Amino acid sequence: MLAKLTSKNQLTIPKAILSAYPGTEYFNVTDDNGRIVLAPVPFDNADTVRSKLADLGITDQDIADAVSWARSKSRKT
């Protein structure tokens, strides 16, 4: 099956493929020796999210700081 890249760098995944992953909204995208690989991310599992954040070295304080920064920027506009 083909998927076309749009001018906004978006891909439409064929319905026949997505039907195997009902309810999936997010996919992890990786490069594997010249191949683009999509893997469904089960965000209904909080432990998966926490594990990914830990792998990236993102702490609770980093998140609090980011939220604080974003809120301060939105008040100025």
N, C-alpha and C. Protein backbone atom coordinates (compact mmCIF):
# COMPACT_ATOMS: atom_id res chain seq x y z
N MET A 1 0.83 -1.18 0.00
CA MET A 1 0.00 0.00 0.00
C MET A 1 0.88 1.24 0.00
N LEU A 2 0.38 2.28 -0.61
CA LEU A 2 1.12 3.54 -0.66
C LEU A 2 0.53 4.55 0.30
N ALA A 3 1.39 5.39 0.84
CA ALA A 3 0.99 6.53 1.65
C ALA A 3 1.72 7.74 1.08
N LYS A 4 0.97 8.80 0.80
CA LYS A 4 1.56 9.98 0.18
C LYS A 4 1.89 11.03 1.23
N LEU A 5 3.08 11.62 1.11
CA LEU A 5 3.51 12.70 1.98
C LEU A 5 2.91 13.99 1.47
N THR A 6 2.21 14.73 2.35
CA THR A 6 1.59 15.99 1.94
C THR A 6 2.59 17.13 2.04
N SER A 7 2.18 18.29 1.57
CA SER A 7 3.04 19.48 1.65
C SER A 7 3.29 19.90 3.10
N LYS A 8 2.47 19.42 4.02
CA LYS A 8 2.63 19.72 5.45
C LYS A 8 3.35 18.59 6.19
N ASN A 9 4.05 17.73 5.44
CA ASN A 9 4.79 16.60 6.01
C ASN A 9 3.90 15.65 6.79
N GLN A 10 2.72 15.39 6.30
CA GLN A 10 1.81 14.46 6.93
C GLN A 10 1.60 13.25 6.03
N LEU A 11 1.42 12.10 6.67
CA LEU A 11 1.11 10.87 5.94
C LEU A 11 -0.28 10.41 6.33
N THR A 12 -1.02 9.92 5.36
CA THR A 12 -2.29 9.28 5.65
C THR A 12 -2.05 7.79 5.61
N ILE A 13 -2.31 7.14 6.74
CA ILE A 13 -2.10 5.70 6.82
C ILE A 13 -3.35 5.01 6.28
N PRO A 14 -3.17 4.05 5.38
CA PRO A 14 -4.33 3.37 4.80
C PRO A 14 -5.24 2.76 5.86
N LYS A 15 -6.54 2.90 5.61
CA LYS A 15 -7.55 2.39 6.54
C LYS A 15 -7.39 0.91 6.82
N ALA A 16 -6.98 0.15 5.81
CA ALA A 16 -6.79 -1.29 5.99
C ALA A 16 -5.73 -1.60 7.04
N ILE A 17 -4.74 -0.74 7.15
CA ILE A 17 -3.69 -0.92 8.16
C ILE A 17 -4.19 -0.48 9.53
N LEU A 18 -4.77 0.72 9.57
CA LEU A 18 -5.23 1.27 10.85
C LEU A 18 -6.33 0.44 11.50
N SER A 19 -7.10 -0.27 10.71
CA SER A 19 -8.18 -1.08 11.28
C SER A 19 -7.65 -2.16 12.22
N ALA A 20 -6.38 -2.51 12.09
CA ALA A 20 -5.78 -3.50 12.99
C ALA A 20 -5.41 -2.89 14.34
N TYR A 21 -5.53 -1.56 14.47
CA TYR A 21 -5.15 -0.86 15.70
C TYR A 21 -6.27 0.07 16.15
N PRO A 22 -7.44 -0.47 16.46
CA PRO A 22 -8.57 0.38 16.83
C PRO A 22 -8.27 1.18 18.10
N GLY A 23 -8.64 2.44 18.06
CA GLY A 23 -8.47 3.31 19.23
C GLY A 23 -7.08 3.89 19.38
N THR A 24 -6.14 3.49 18.55
CA THR A 24 -4.78 4.01 18.66
C THR A 24 -4.72 5.41 18.04
N GLU A 25 -4.21 6.36 18.83
CA GLU A 25 -4.10 7.74 18.36
C GLU A 25 -2.66 8.14 18.10
N TYR A 26 -1.72 7.47 18.75
CA TYR A 26 -0.31 7.84 18.64
C TYR A 26 0.53 6.64 18.19
N PHE A 27 1.54 6.97 17.40
CA PHE A 27 2.49 5.96 16.94
C PHE A 27 3.90 6.46 17.20
N ASN A 28 4.75 5.61 17.71
CA ASN A 28 6.15 5.93 17.85
C ASN A 28 6.79 5.75 16.47
N VAL A 29 7.56 6.75 16.03
CA VAL A 29 8.16 6.72 14.71
C VAL A 29 9.68 6.60 14.85
N THR A 30 10.26 5.59 14.22
CA THR A 30 11.71 5.41 14.26
C THR A 30 12.25 5.15 12.87
N ASP A 31 13.55 5.34 12.74
CA ASP A 31 14.26 5.05 11.50
C ASP A 31 15.07 3.79 11.73
N ASP A 32 14.85 2.79 10.91
CA ASP A 32 15.54 1.52 11.04
C ASP A 32 16.27 1.21 9.73
N ASN A 33 17.51 1.68 9.65
CA ASN A 33 18.33 1.45 8.45
C ASN A 33 17.62 1.83 7.16
N GLY A 34 17.10 3.06 7.12
CA GLY A 34 16.45 3.55 5.92
C GLY A 34 14.98 3.19 5.79
N ARG A 35 14.42 2.56 6.81
CA ARG A 35 12.99 2.23 6.82
C ARG A 35 12.31 3.01 7.92
N ILE A 36 11.17 3.60 7.63
CA ILE A 36 10.38 4.29 8.65
C ILE A 36 9.48 3.25 9.31
N VAL A 37 9.58 3.15 10.62
CA VAL A 37 8.81 2.15 11.36
C VAL A 37 7.84 2.86 12.30
N LEU A 38 6.56 2.49 12.22
CA LEU A 38 5.53 3.02 13.11
C LEU A 38 5.12 1.92 14.08
N ALA A 39 5.09 2.26 15.36
CA ALA A 39 4.63 1.30 16.37
C ALA A 39 3.55 1.96 17.21
N PRO A 40 2.41 1.32 17.39
CA PRO A 40 1.35 1.93 18.19
C PRO A 40 1.80 2.15 19.62
N VAL A 41 1.39 3.29 20.18
CA VAL A 41 1.73 3.63 21.57
C VAL A 41 0.46 3.51 22.40
N PRO A 42 0.45 2.61 23.36
CA PRO A 42 -0.74 2.42 24.20
C PRO A 42 -0.80 3.46 25.33
N PHE A 43 -1.33 4.64 25.04
CA PHE A 43 -1.37 5.69 26.06
C PHE A 43 -2.38 5.44 27.16
N ASP A 44 -3.16 4.38 27.06
CA ASP A 44 -4.06 4.06 28.15
C ASP A 44 -3.30 3.41 29.30
N ASN A 45 -2.01 3.14 29.10
CA ASN A 45 -1.18 2.53 30.12
C ASN A 45 -0.21 3.58 30.66
N ALA A 46 -0.51 4.15 31.82
CA ALA A 46 0.30 5.22 32.39
C ALA A 46 1.74 4.77 32.64
N ASP A 47 1.94 3.51 32.94
CA ASP A 47 3.30 3.02 33.19
C ASP A 47 4.17 3.14 31.94
N THR A 48 3.57 2.97 30.77
CA THR A 48 4.31 3.11 29.52
C THR A 48 4.79 4.55 29.35
N VAL A 49 3.93 5.50 29.65
CA VAL A 49 4.29 6.91 29.54
C VAL A 49 5.39 7.24 30.54
N ARG A 50 5.23 6.80 31.77
CA ARG A 50 6.25 7.07 32.79
C ARG A 50 7.60 6.47 32.40
N SER A 51 7.58 5.28 31.84
CA SER A 51 8.80 4.63 31.41
C SER A 51 9.49 5.42 30.30
N LYS A 52 8.71 5.90 29.34
CA LYS A 52 9.27 6.69 28.23
C LYS A 52 9.88 7.99 28.76
N LEU A 53 9.19 8.64 29.69
CA LEU A 53 9.72 9.87 30.28
C LEU A 53 11.02 9.59 31.02
N ALA A 54 11.06 8.49 31.75
CA ALA A 54 12.28 8.12 32.48
C ALA A 54 13.42 7.83 31.51
N ASP A 55 13.12 7.14 30.41
CA ASP A 55 14.14 6.86 29.39
C ASP A 55 14.72 8.14 28.82
N LEU A 56 13.88 9.16 28.71
CA LEU A 56 14.32 10.44 28.16
C LEU A 56 14.97 11.34 29.22
N GLY A 57 14.92 10.91 30.48
CA GLY A 57 15.51 11.69 31.56
C GLY A 57 14.65 12.87 31.98
N ILE A 58 13.36 12.83 31.68
CA ILE A 58 12.45 13.92 32.03
C ILE A 58 11.89 13.66 33.42
N THR A 59 12.07 14.63 34.32
CA THR A 59 11.63 14.48 35.71
C THR A 59 10.30 15.21 35.93
N ASP A 60 9.70 14.94 37.09
CA ASP A 60 8.48 15.65 37.47
C ASP A 60 8.73 17.16 37.51
N GLN A 61 9.91 17.54 37.98
CA GLN A 61 10.24 18.97 38.04
C GLN A 61 10.36 19.57 36.65
N ASP A 62 10.92 18.82 35.69
CA ASP A 62 11.00 19.30 34.31
C ASP A 62 9.60 19.59 33.76
N ILE A 63 8.66 18.71 34.06
CA ILE A 63 7.29 18.88 33.58
C ILE A 63 6.65 20.10 34.25
N ALA A 64 6.83 20.22 35.56
CA ALA A 64 6.28 21.38 36.28
C ALA A 64 6.87 22.67 35.73
N ASP A 65 8.16 22.68 35.46
CA ASP A 65 8.80 23.87 34.90
C ASP A 65 8.25 24.20 33.51
N ALA A 66 8.03 23.18 32.69
CA ALA A 66 7.51 23.39 31.34
C ALA A 66 6.08 23.95 31.39
N VAL A 67 5.27 23.41 32.28
CA VAL A 67 3.89 23.90 32.42
C VAL A 67 3.90 25.35 32.89
N SER A 68 4.74 25.64 33.87
CA SER A 68 4.86 27.01 34.38
C SER A 68 5.30 27.96 33.28
N TRP A 69 6.30 27.54 32.49
CA TRP A 69 6.77 28.37 31.39
C TRP A 69 5.67 28.62 30.36
N ALA A 70 4.96 27.55 29.98
CA ALA A 70 3.90 27.67 28.98
C ALA A 70 2.78 28.59 29.47
N ARG A 71 2.44 28.45 30.74
CA ARG A 71 1.37 29.31 31.29
C ARG A 71 1.82 30.77 31.33
N SER A 72 3.06 31.02 31.63
CA SER A 72 3.55 32.40 31.67
C SER A 72 3.57 33.01 30.27
N LYS A 73 3.87 32.20 29.25
CA LYS A 73 3.88 32.70 27.86
C LYS A 73 2.45 32.99 27.38
N SER A 74 1.49 32.16 27.76
CA SER A 74 0.12 32.35 27.28
C SER A 74 -0.52 33.58 27.90
N ARG A 75 -0.09 33.99 29.08
CA ARG A 75 -0.64 35.18 29.72
C ARG A 75 -0.14 36.46 29.06
N LYS A 76 1.02 36.38 28.42
CA LYS A 76 1.62 37.57 27.82
C LYS A 76 1.06 37.86 26.44
N THR A 77 0.31 36.92 25.85
CA THR A 77 -0.21 37.15 24.51
C THR A 77 -1.64 37.61 24.52
